[in-house]
Amino acid sequence: MVTIKYDLFFKKKVKKIRDKLLKEKVKKQIEKIVRRPDVGKPMRFSRKGTREVHVKPFRLSYYYLENKDEITFLDLYHKDEQ
């Protein structure tokens, strides 16, 4: 069973979303990640160890610890704010 954690920063960002359609897309991507944690693109360099999925026009960043079977959702940020 996968353990799911949410970073405080991530919770605040999701709470600020007013667009219901976008919020629903984020929820669907989270469900997809929980089912298959390796679905996201592995990041490199300074963000090594994290993965990202695209929620147009945002990116959802998460960290997956395989040995503990734990997913931590880190950030939801606009594509142009990298």
C-alpha atoms as a PDB file:
ATOM      1  CA  MET A   1       0.000   0.000   0.000  1.00  0.00           C
ATOM      2  CA  VAL A   2       1.365   3.381  -1.000  1.00  0.00           C
ATOM      3  CA  THR A   3       1.688   6.042   1.689  1.00  0.00           C
ATOM      4  CA  ILE A   4       0.741   9.512   0.449  1.00  0.00           C
ATOM      5  CA  LYS A   5       2.046  12.744   1.963  1.00  0.00           C
ATOM      6  CA  TYR A   6       1.437  16.340   0.968  1.00  0.00           C
ATOM      7  CA  ASP A   7       3.976  19.103   1.503  1.00  0.00           C
ATOM      8  CA  LEU A   8       2.500  22.149   3.281  1.00  0.00           C
ATOM      9  CA  PHE A   9       3.494  24.341   0.325  1.00  0.00           C
ATOM     10  CA  PHE A  10       1.631  21.993  -2.054  1.00  0.00           C
ATOM     11  CA  LYS A  11      -1.522  22.082   0.081  1.00  0.00           C
ATOM     12  CA  LYS A  12      -1.554  25.881   0.059  1.00  0.00           C
ATOM     13  CA  LYS A  13      -1.141  26.035  -3.722  1.00  0.00           C
ATOM     14  CA  VAL A  14      -3.958  23.564  -4.381  1.00  0.00           C
ATOM     15  CA  LYS A  15      -6.228  25.350  -1.922  1.00  0.00           C
ATOM     16  CA  LYS A  16      -5.772  28.624  -3.866  1.00  0.00           C
ATOM     17  CA  ILE A  17      -6.999  27.099  -7.152  1.00  0.00           C
ATOM     18  CA  ARG A  18     -10.416  28.538  -7.952  1.00  0.00           C
ATOM     19  CA  ASP A  19     -10.959  26.902 -11.330  1.00  0.00           C
ATOM     20  CA  LYS A  20     -12.965  23.720 -10.659  1.00  0.00           C
ATOM     21  CA  LEU A  21     -11.915  22.122 -13.940  1.00  0.00           C
ATOM     22  CA  LEU A  22      -8.226  22.605 -13.134  1.00  0.00           C
ATOM     23  CA  LYS A  23      -8.729  21.290  -9.601  1.00  0.00           C
ATOM     24  CA  GLU A  24     -10.396  18.192 -11.044  1.00  0.00           C
ATOM     25  CA  LYS A  25      -7.460  17.669 -13.450  1.00  0.00           C
ATOM     26  CA  VAL A  26      -5.024  17.868 -10.524  1.00  0.00           C
ATOM     27  CA  LYS A  27      -7.059  15.291  -8.588  1.00  0.00           C
ATOM     28  CA  LYS A  28      -7.081  12.934 -11.577  1.00  0.00           C
ATOM     29  CA  GLN A  29      -3.308  13.239 -11.979  1.00  0.00           C
ATOM     30  CA  ILE A  30      -2.811  12.529  -8.267  1.00  0.00           C
ATOM     31  CA  GLU A  31      -4.947   9.392  -8.593  1.00  0.00           C
ATOM     32  CA  LYS A  32      -2.926   8.352 -11.653  1.00  0.00           C
ATOM     33  CA  ILE A  33       0.345   8.841  -9.741  1.00  0.00           C
ATOM     34  CA  VAL A  34      -0.925   6.812  -6.778  1.00  0.00           C
ATOM     35  CA  ARG A  35      -1.793   3.925  -9.099  1.00  0.00           C
ATOM     36  CA  ARG A  36       1.543   4.083 -10.987  1.00  0.00           C
ATOM     37  CA  PRO A  37       4.165   6.165  -9.122  1.00  0.00           C
ATOM     38  CA  ASP A  38       6.730   5.838 -11.914  1.00  0.00           C
ATOM     39  CA  VAL A  39       4.449   7.587 -14.460  1.00  0.00           C
ATOM     40  CA  GLY A  40       6.094  11.013 -14.052  1.00  0.00           C
ATOM     41  CA  LYS A  41       9.153  12.263 -15.892  1.00  0.00           C
ATOM     42  CA  PRO A  42      12.314  11.902 -13.764  1.00  0.00           C
ATOM     43  CA  MET A  43      14.000  15.253 -13.181  1.00  0.00           C
ATOM     44  CA  ARG A  44      17.727  15.935 -13.420  1.00  0.00           C
ATOM     45  CA  PHE A  45      20.373  18.170 -11.900  1.00  0.00           C
ATOM     46  CA  SER A  46      19.122  20.186  -8.890  1.00  0.00           C
ATOM     47  CA  ARG A  47      15.761  18.401  -8.823  1.00  0.00           C
ATOM     48  CA  LYS A  48      17.203  14.907  -9.119  1.00  0.00           C
ATOM     49  CA  GLY A  49      15.083  12.296  -7.369  1.00  0.00           C
ATOM     50  CA  THR A  50      11.796  14.056  -8.061  1.00  0.00           C
ATOM     51  CA  ARG A  51       9.304  13.391 -10.826  1.00  0.00           C
ATOM     52  CA  GLU A  52       6.830  15.617 -12.646  1.00  0.00           C
ATOM     53  CA  VAL A  53       3.591  15.240 -14.556  1.00  0.00           C
ATOM     54  CA  HIS A  54       1.981  17.832 -16.777  1.00  0.00           C
ATOM     55  CA  VAL A  55      -1.368  19.382 -15.784  1.00  0.00           C
ATOM     56  CA  LYS A  56      -1.735  21.963 -18.536  1.00  0.00           C
ATOM     57  CA  PRO A  57      -0.424  24.733 -18.005  1.00  0.00           C
ATOM     58  CA  PHE A  58       1.071  23.556 -14.677  1.00  0.00           C
ATOM     59  CA  ARG A  59       3.551  20.929 -13.534  1.00  0.00           C
ATOM     60  CA  LEU A  60       2.908  18.707 -10.545  1.00  0.00           C
ATOM     61  CA  SER A  61       6.123  17.757  -8.779  1.00  0.00           C
ATOM     62  CA  TYR A  62       6.382  14.743  -6.470  1.00  0.00           C
ATOM     63  CA  TYR A  63       8.943  12.528  -4.785  1.00  0.00           C
ATOM     64  CA  TYR A  64       8.640   8.729  -4.776  1.00  0.00           C
ATOM     65  CA  LEU A  65      10.571   6.589  -2.307  1.00  0.00           C
ATOM     66  CA  GLU A  66      10.487   3.075  -3.713  1.00  0.00           C
ATOM     67  CA  ASN A  67      11.939   1.295  -0.690  1.00  0.00           C
ATOM     68  CA  LYS A  68       9.346   2.850   1.688  1.00  0.00           C
ATOM     69  CA  ASP A  69       6.555   2.879  -0.942  1.00  0.00           C
ATOM     70  CA  GLU A  70       5.860   6.531  -0.141  1.00  0.00           C
ATOM     71  CA  ILE A  71       4.787   9.426  -2.390  1.00  0.00           C
ATOM     72  CA  THR A  72       5.231  13.041  -1.300  1.00  0.00           C
ATOM     73  CA  PHE A  73       3.597  15.721  -3.420  1.00  0.00           C
ATOM     74  CA  LEU A  74       5.917  18.736  -3.422  1.00  0.00           C
ATOM     75  CA  ASP A  75       4.729  21.543  -5.694  1.00  0.00           C
ATOM     76  CA  LEU A  76       2.300  22.695  -8.340  1.00  0.00           C
ATOM     77  CA  TYR A  77       3.842  25.446 -10.405  1.00  0.00           C
ATOM     78  CA  HIS A  78       3.305  27.213 -13.714  1.00  0.00           C
ATOM     79  CA  LYS A  79       5.396  25.912 -16.572  1.00  0.00           C
ATOM     80  CA  ASP A  80       7.005  29.324 -17.214  1.00  0.00           C
ATOM     81  CA  GLU A  81       8.090  29.806 -13.563  1.00  0.00           C
ATOM     82  CA  GLN A  82      10.790  27.122 -13.508  1.00  0.00           C
END
